[in-house]
Amino acid sequence: MSLFFRTTTRLAPRAFSTTTRTQKSAVDAAKDAIKKADRTISDAAVKGIEKGESATTAAKETVGVNASKASGSASEATGEASGKASEMKGQASGMKEQAEGKVSEMAGEAKGKAQEVKGEVKGKAEEVKGKM
């Protein structure tokens, strides 16, 4: 009769994963923000230079200006694009310095908090030692 009431055990599949979670530190997040801002500004500068070049080419074709005037126009457009690129670079540098300042501020706050907790732990240890 034991053949009919045979029990079997069945293993359930695993329901969770054991991979580690990665988190970015404040410094890494600030670096990523700076890189993103730098990339955006660089792209805008490149677009400005390309627009200057295309405007010069279009001016040459439609107006039929002689080579020296077109060259002057191209130099002017290139100068404008370079000025805009320098301006954008200055803004990116300002943003970078601001982000670095924020990172330093956050690091200082974390260090201060660590000192505070350390002091609390020492105080509790002294309190427990006094009770013994």
N, C-alpha and C. Protein backbone atom coordinates (compact mmCIF):
# COMPACT_ATOMS: atom_id res chain seq x y z
N MET A 1 0.79 -1.19 0.00
CA MET A 1 0.00 0.00 0.00
C MET A 1 0.84 1.26 0.00
N SER A 2 2.04 1.14 0.39
CA SER A 2 2.88 2.32 0.44
C SER A 2 3.22 2.85 -0.95
N LEU A 3 2.98 2.06 -1.97
CA LEU A 3 3.26 2.51 -3.33
C LEU A 3 2.31 3.60 -3.78
N PHE A 4 1.13 3.61 -3.31
CA PHE A 4 0.14 4.59 -3.74
C PHE A 4 0.27 5.91 -3.01
N PHE A 5 0.85 5.93 -1.86
CA PHE A 5 0.95 7.15 -1.06
C PHE A 5 2.37 7.68 -1.01
N ARG A 6 3.07 7.52 -2.03
CA ARG A 6 4.46 7.94 -2.10
C ARG A 6 4.54 9.48 -2.22
N THR A 7 5.36 10.06 -1.40
CA THR A 7 5.47 11.52 -1.43
C THR A 7 6.72 11.92 -2.22
N THR A 8 6.62 12.98 -2.91
CA THR A 8 7.77 13.50 -3.67
C THR A 8 8.05 14.93 -3.21
N THR A 9 9.31 15.24 -3.22
CA THR A 9 9.68 16.61 -2.87
C THR A 9 10.04 17.35 -4.14
N ARG A 10 9.64 18.58 -4.19
CA ARG A 10 9.87 19.38 -5.37
C ARG A 10 10.57 20.66 -4.94
N LEU A 11 11.63 21.01 -5.62
CA LEU A 11 12.37 22.22 -5.29
C LEU A 11 11.81 23.40 -6.07
N ALA A 12 11.62 24.49 -5.36
CA ALA A 12 11.11 25.70 -6.01
C ALA A 12 12.27 26.45 -6.68
N PRO A 13 12.01 27.13 -7.77
CA PRO A 13 13.08 27.90 -8.41
C PRO A 13 13.47 29.10 -7.55
N ARG A 14 14.67 29.58 -7.74
CA ARG A 14 15.13 30.74 -6.95
C ARG A 14 14.31 31.97 -7.31
N ALA A 15 13.99 32.73 -6.30
CA ALA A 15 13.13 33.89 -6.52
C ALA A 15 13.87 35.21 -6.48
N PHE A 16 15.14 35.20 -6.21
CA PHE A 16 15.85 36.48 -6.13
C PHE A 16 17.26 36.33 -6.66
N SER A 17 17.87 37.47 -6.91
CA SER A 17 19.22 37.50 -7.46
C SER A 17 20.19 37.97 -6.38
N THR A 18 21.43 37.56 -6.50
CA THR A 18 22.42 37.95 -5.48
C THR A 18 23.50 38.86 -6.06
N THR A 19 23.20 39.57 -7.14
CA THR A 19 24.20 40.48 -7.70
C THR A 19 24.30 41.73 -6.83
N THR A 20 25.45 42.35 -6.85
CA THR A 20 25.65 43.54 -6.03
C THR A 20 25.05 44.75 -6.72
N ARG A 21 24.63 45.71 -5.92
CA ARG A 21 24.05 46.93 -6.43
C ARG A 21 25.13 47.99 -6.50
N THR A 22 25.21 48.69 -7.60
CA THR A 22 26.23 49.73 -7.71
C THR A 22 25.56 51.09 -7.57
N GLN A 23 26.17 51.92 -6.77
CA GLN A 23 25.68 53.28 -6.59
C GLN A 23 26.82 54.23 -6.85
N LYS A 24 26.47 55.39 -7.40
CA LYS A 24 27.49 56.40 -7.68
C LYS A 24 27.68 57.26 -6.43
N SER A 25 28.92 57.59 -6.20
CA SER A 25 29.21 58.50 -5.09
C SER A 25 28.91 59.92 -5.56
N ALA A 26 28.95 60.86 -4.64
CA ALA A 26 28.70 62.26 -4.97
C ALA A 26 29.74 62.76 -5.97
N VAL A 27 30.97 62.33 -5.82
CA VAL A 27 32.04 62.76 -6.72
C VAL A 27 31.79 62.24 -8.13
N ASP A 28 31.40 60.96 -8.26
CA ASP A 28 31.13 60.39 -9.57
C ASP A 28 29.94 61.07 -10.23
N ALA A 29 28.92 61.36 -9.44
CA ALA A 29 27.75 62.04 -9.99
C ALA A 29 28.11 63.44 -10.48
N ALA A 30 28.95 64.14 -9.72
CA ALA A 30 29.38 65.47 -10.14
C ALA A 30 30.22 65.40 -11.41
N LYS A 31 31.10 64.41 -11.50
CA LYS A 31 31.91 64.24 -12.71
C LYS A 31 31.02 63.98 -13.91
N ASP A 32 30.01 63.13 -13.74
CA ASP A 32 29.11 62.84 -14.85
C ASP A 32 28.36 64.10 -15.29
N ALA A 33 27.93 64.91 -14.33
CA ALA A 33 27.23 66.15 -14.65
C ALA A 33 28.14 67.11 -15.41
N ILE A 34 29.40 67.18 -14.99
CA ILE A 34 30.35 68.06 -15.66
C ILE A 34 30.61 67.57 -17.08
N LYS A 35 30.78 66.26 -17.25
CA LYS A 35 31.01 65.70 -18.58
C LYS A 35 29.83 65.98 -19.50
N LYS A 36 28.62 65.84 -18.96
CA LYS A 36 27.42 66.06 -19.76
C LYS A 36 27.33 67.53 -20.18
N ALA A 37 27.62 68.45 -19.26
CA ALA A 37 27.59 69.87 -19.59
C ALA A 37 28.65 70.20 -20.62
N ASP A 38 29.84 69.64 -20.47
CA ASP A 38 30.93 69.89 -21.42
C ASP A 38 30.55 69.38 -22.80
N ARG A 39 29.94 68.22 -22.86
CA ARG A 39 29.54 67.65 -24.14
C ARG A 39 28.49 68.52 -24.81
N THR A 40 27.52 69.01 -24.06
CA THR A 40 26.47 69.86 -24.60
C THR A 40 27.06 71.15 -25.17
N ILE A 41 27.97 71.75 -24.43
CA ILE A 41 28.58 73.00 -24.87
C ILE A 41 29.45 72.77 -26.10
N SER A 42 30.19 71.68 -26.13
CA SER A 42 31.01 71.35 -27.29
C SER A 42 30.14 71.15 -28.53
N ASP A 43 29.04 70.45 -28.37
CA ASP A 43 28.13 70.24 -29.50
C ASP A 43 27.58 71.57 -30.02
N ALA A 44 27.23 72.48 -29.11
CA ALA A 44 26.72 73.79 -29.52
C ALA A 44 27.80 74.58 -30.25
N ALA A 45 29.03 74.50 -29.80
CA ALA A 45 30.12 75.21 -30.46
C ALA A 45 30.36 74.67 -31.86
N VAL A 46 30.32 73.36 -32.01
CA VAL A 46 30.51 72.75 -33.33
C VAL A 46 29.39 73.16 -34.27
N LYS A 47 28.17 73.18 -33.78
CA LYS A 47 27.04 73.61 -34.61
C LYS A 47 27.22 75.05 -35.06
N GLY A 48 27.70 75.91 -34.16
CA GLY A 48 27.93 77.31 -34.51
C GLY A 48 28.99 77.46 -35.59
N ILE A 49 30.04 76.69 -35.49
CA ILE A 49 31.11 76.74 -36.50
C ILE A 49 30.58 76.24 -37.84
N GLU A 50 29.83 75.15 -37.82
CA GLU A 50 29.27 74.61 -39.06
C GLU A 50 28.29 75.58 -39.70
N LYS A 51 27.48 76.24 -38.90
CA LYS A 51 26.54 77.22 -39.44
C LYS A 51 27.29 78.39 -40.09
N GLY A 52 28.38 78.82 -39.46
CA GLY A 52 29.19 79.89 -40.04
C GLY A 52 29.77 79.48 -41.37
N GLU A 53 30.26 78.27 -41.46
CA GLU A 53 30.81 77.77 -42.72
C GLU A 53 29.74 77.67 -43.79
N SER A 54 28.58 77.13 -43.42
CA SER A 54 27.51 76.99 -44.42
C SER A 54 26.98 78.35 -44.85
N ALA A 55 26.93 79.32 -43.94
CA ALA A 55 26.49 80.66 -44.31
C ALA A 55 27.47 81.30 -45.27
N THR A 56 28.75 81.08 -45.06
CA THR A 56 29.77 81.62 -45.96
C THR A 56 29.65 81.01 -47.34
N THR A 57 29.46 79.70 -47.39
CA THR A 57 29.31 79.01 -48.67
C THR A 57 28.08 79.50 -49.41
N ALA A 58 26.98 79.64 -48.69
CA ALA A 58 25.75 80.12 -49.31
C ALA A 58 25.91 81.55 -49.81
N ALA A 59 26.62 82.36 -49.05
CA ALA A 59 26.84 83.74 -49.49
C ALA A 59 27.67 83.79 -50.76
N LYS A 60 28.68 82.95 -50.85
CA LYS A 60 29.51 82.88 -52.05
C LYS A 60 28.67 82.50 -53.27
N GLU A 61 27.82 81.50 -53.10
CA GLU A 61 27.05 80.98 -54.23
C GLU A 61 25.95 81.94 -54.68
N THR A 62 25.21 82.53 -53.76
CA THR A 62 24.06 83.34 -54.14
C THR A 62 24.44 84.75 -54.58
N VAL A 63 25.37 85.36 -53.95
CA VAL A 63 25.72 86.74 -54.26
C VAL A 63 26.79 86.81 -55.34
N GLY A 64 27.61 85.80 -55.44
CA GLY A 64 28.67 85.80 -56.42
C GLY A 64 29.77 86.78 -56.05
N VAL A 65 30.11 86.85 -54.79
CA VAL A 65 31.12 87.75 -54.28
C VAL A 65 32.48 87.24 -54.69
N ASN A 66 33.44 88.15 -54.94
CA ASN A 66 34.77 87.70 -55.33
C ASN A 66 35.47 87.02 -54.16
N ALA A 67 36.57 86.36 -54.39
CA ALA A 67 37.25 85.51 -53.41
C ALA A 67 37.72 86.28 -52.19
N SER A 68 38.19 87.47 -52.34
CA SER A 68 38.71 88.21 -51.18
C SER A 68 37.59 88.61 -50.22
N LYS A 69 36.45 89.02 -50.77
CA LYS A 69 35.32 89.38 -49.91
C LYS A 69 34.77 88.13 -49.21
N ALA A 70 34.70 87.02 -49.92
CA ALA A 70 34.21 85.78 -49.33
C ALA A 70 35.16 85.31 -48.24
N SER A 71 36.46 85.49 -48.48
CA SER A 71 37.45 85.11 -47.48
C SER A 71 37.28 85.94 -46.21
N GLY A 72 37.06 87.25 -46.39
CA GLY A 72 36.82 88.13 -45.23
C GLY A 72 35.56 87.72 -44.49
N SER A 73 34.52 87.36 -45.22
CA SER A 73 33.28 86.92 -44.61
C SER A 73 33.49 85.61 -43.85
N ALA A 74 34.28 84.72 -44.46
CA ALA A 74 34.55 83.44 -43.79
C ALA A 74 35.36 83.67 -42.52
N SER A 75 36.33 84.57 -42.59
CA SER A 75 37.13 84.87 -41.40
C SER A 75 36.25 85.46 -40.30
N GLU A 76 35.33 86.33 -40.70
CA GLU A 76 34.43 86.94 -39.73
C GLU A 76 33.53 85.88 -39.09
N ALA A 77 32.99 84.98 -39.91
CA ALA A 77 32.12 83.92 -39.38
C ALA A 77 32.91 82.99 -38.47
N THR A 78 34.14 82.67 -38.90
CA THR A 78 34.98 81.81 -38.07
C THR A 78 35.32 82.49 -36.75
N GLY A 79 35.60 83.79 -36.82
CA GLY A 79 35.88 84.55 -35.59
C GLY A 79 34.69 84.55 -34.64
N GLU A 80 33.51 84.73 -35.20
CA GLU A 80 32.29 84.70 -34.37
C GLU A 80 32.12 83.33 -33.73
N ALA A 81 32.32 82.28 -34.54
CA ALA A 81 32.16 80.92 -34.01
C ALA A 81 33.20 80.64 -32.93
N SER A 82 34.43 81.10 -33.16
CA SER A 82 35.47 80.90 -32.16
C SER A 82 35.14 81.66 -30.88
N GLY A 83 34.63 82.87 -31.03
CA GLY A 83 34.23 83.65 -29.85
C GLY A 83 33.13 82.96 -29.07
N LYS A 84 32.16 82.41 -29.80
CA LYS A 84 31.06 81.70 -29.15
C LYS A 84 31.59 80.45 -28.45
N ALA A 85 32.52 79.75 -29.11
CA ALA A 85 33.10 78.54 -28.51
C ALA A 85 33.86 78.90 -27.24
N SER A 86 34.60 80.01 -27.27
CA SER A 86 35.34 80.42 -26.07
C SER A 86 34.38 80.78 -24.94
N GLU A 87 33.30 81.45 -25.31
CA GLU A 87 32.29 81.82 -24.31
C GLU A 87 31.69 80.57 -23.66
N MET A 88 31.35 79.59 -24.50
CA MET A 88 30.78 78.34 -23.99
C MET A 88 31.79 77.60 -23.12
N LYS A 89 33.05 77.62 -23.53
CA LYS A 89 34.09 76.96 -22.75
C LYS A 89 34.22 77.62 -21.38
N GLY A 90 34.15 78.95 -21.35
CA GLY A 90 34.21 79.67 -20.08
C GLY A 90 33.04 79.30 -19.17
N GLN A 91 31.86 79.17 -19.77
CA GLN A 91 30.69 78.77 -18.98
C GLN A 91 30.86 77.36 -18.44
N ALA A 92 31.41 76.47 -19.26
CA ALA A 92 31.63 75.09 -18.81
C ALA A 92 32.64 75.07 -17.67
N SER A 93 33.67 75.89 -17.78
CA SER A 93 34.67 75.96 -16.72
C SER A 93 34.04 76.46 -15.42
N GLY A 94 33.17 77.45 -15.54
CA GLY A 94 32.46 77.97 -14.36
C GLY A 94 31.59 76.90 -13.73
N MET A 95 30.90 76.13 -14.56
CA MET A 95 30.05 75.07 -14.04
C MET A 95 30.90 74.00 -13.36
N LYS A 96 32.06 73.71 -13.95
CA LYS A 96 32.95 72.70 -13.37
C LYS A 96 33.42 73.15 -12.00
N GLU A 97 33.84 74.40 -11.89
CA GLU A 97 34.32 74.91 -10.60
C GLU A 97 33.20 74.90 -9.57
N GLN A 98 32.01 75.25 -10.02
CA GLN A 98 30.87 75.25 -9.10
C GLN A 98 30.59 73.82 -8.60
N ALA A 99 30.65 72.85 -9.51
CA ALA A 99 30.41 71.46 -9.12
C ALA A 99 31.50 70.96 -8.18
N GLU A 100 32.75 71.33 -8.46
CA GLU A 100 33.84 70.92 -7.58
C GLU A 100 33.66 71.52 -6.19
N GLY A 101 33.21 72.77 -6.14
CA GLY A 101 32.94 73.40 -4.84
C GLY A 101 31.85 72.66 -4.09
N LYS A 102 30.83 72.25 -4.80
CA LYS A 102 29.73 71.53 -4.17
C LYS A 102 30.22 70.18 -3.65
N VAL A 103 31.07 69.51 -4.43
CA VAL A 103 31.62 68.23 -3.99
C VAL A 103 32.46 68.42 -2.73
N SER A 104 33.29 69.47 -2.71
CA SER A 104 34.10 69.74 -1.53
C SER A 104 33.22 70.03 -0.31
N GLU A 105 32.16 70.78 -0.55
CA GLU A 105 31.23 71.10 0.54
C GLU A 105 30.59 69.84 1.10
N MET A 106 30.17 68.94 0.19
CA MET A 106 29.54 67.71 0.63
C MET A 106 30.53 66.82 1.38
N ALA A 107 31.78 66.80 0.91
CA ALA A 107 32.81 66.01 1.59
C ALA A 107 33.06 66.57 2.99
N GLY A 108 33.08 67.89 3.11
CA GLY A 108 33.26 68.51 4.42
C GLY A 108 32.12 68.19 5.36
N GLU A 109 30.90 68.23 4.83
CA GLU A 109 29.74 67.90 5.65
C GLU A 109 29.81 66.44 6.13
N ALA A 110 30.20 65.55 5.23
CA ALA A 110 30.30 64.13 5.59
C ALA A 110 31.37 63.93 6.66
N LYS A 111 32.49 64.64 6.53
CA LYS A 111 33.56 64.52 7.51
C LYS A 111 33.10 65.05 8.87
N GLY A 112 32.38 66.17 8.84
CA GLY A 112 31.86 66.73 10.09
C GLY A 112 30.87 65.79 10.75
N LYS A 113 30.02 65.18 9.94
CA LYS A 113 29.03 64.24 10.49
C LYS A 113 29.74 63.02 11.08
N ALA A 114 30.80 62.56 10.43
CA ALA A 114 31.56 61.41 10.94
C ALA A 114 32.19 61.76 12.29
N GLN A 115 32.73 62.97 12.41
CA GLN A 115 33.32 63.40 13.68
C GLN A 115 32.25 63.48 14.78
N GLU A 116 31.07 63.96 14.37
CA GLU A 116 29.97 64.07 15.34
C GLU A 116 29.57 62.68 15.85
N VAL A 117 29.43 61.74 14.95
CA VAL A 117 29.05 60.38 15.33
C VAL A 117 30.15 59.74 16.18
N LYS A 118 31.39 60.00 15.83
CA LYS A 118 32.51 59.47 16.60
C LYS A 118 32.46 60.01 18.04
N GLY A 119 32.16 61.29 18.17
CA GLY A 119 32.05 61.89 19.49
C GLY A 119 30.91 61.27 20.29
N GLU A 120 29.79 61.02 19.62
CA GLU A 120 28.65 60.41 20.30
C GLU A 120 29.00 58.99 20.77
N VAL A 121 29.71 58.25 19.93
CA VAL A 121 30.10 56.89 20.29
C VAL A 121 31.04 56.91 21.50
N LYS A 122 32.00 57.84 21.48
CA LYS A 122 32.91 57.95 22.62
C LYS A 122 32.15 58.30 23.89
N GLY A 123 31.18 59.21 23.75
CA GLY A 123 30.38 59.61 24.91
C GLY A 123 29.60 58.43 25.47
N LYS A 124 29.00 57.65 24.60
CA LYS A 124 28.24 56.48 25.04
C LYS A 124 29.16 55.46 25.68
N ALA A 125 30.37 55.29 25.10
CA ALA A 125 31.32 54.35 25.68
C ALA A 125 31.74 54.77 27.09
N GLU A 126 31.96 56.06 27.25
CA GLU A 126 32.32 56.57 28.58
C GLU A 126 31.17 56.40 29.55
N GLU A 127 29.97 56.59 29.06
CA GLU A 127 28.77 56.45 29.91
C GLU A 127 28.64 54.99 30.38
N VAL A 128 28.81 54.06 29.45
CA VAL A 128 28.71 52.64 29.78
C VAL A 128 29.84 52.25 30.73
N LYS A 129 31.04 52.78 30.47
CA LYS A 129 32.20 52.47 31.32
C LYS A 129 31.97 53.00 32.74
N GLY A 130 31.34 54.16 32.85
CA GLY A 130 31.05 54.75 34.16
C GLY A 130 30.03 53.94 34.94
N LYS A 131 29.11 53.30 34.26
CA LYS A 131 28.08 52.50 34.90
C LYS A 131 28.63 51.17 35.42
N MET A 132 29.73 50.70 34.85
CA MET A 132 30.29 49.41 35.24
C MET A 132 31.05 49.60 36.48
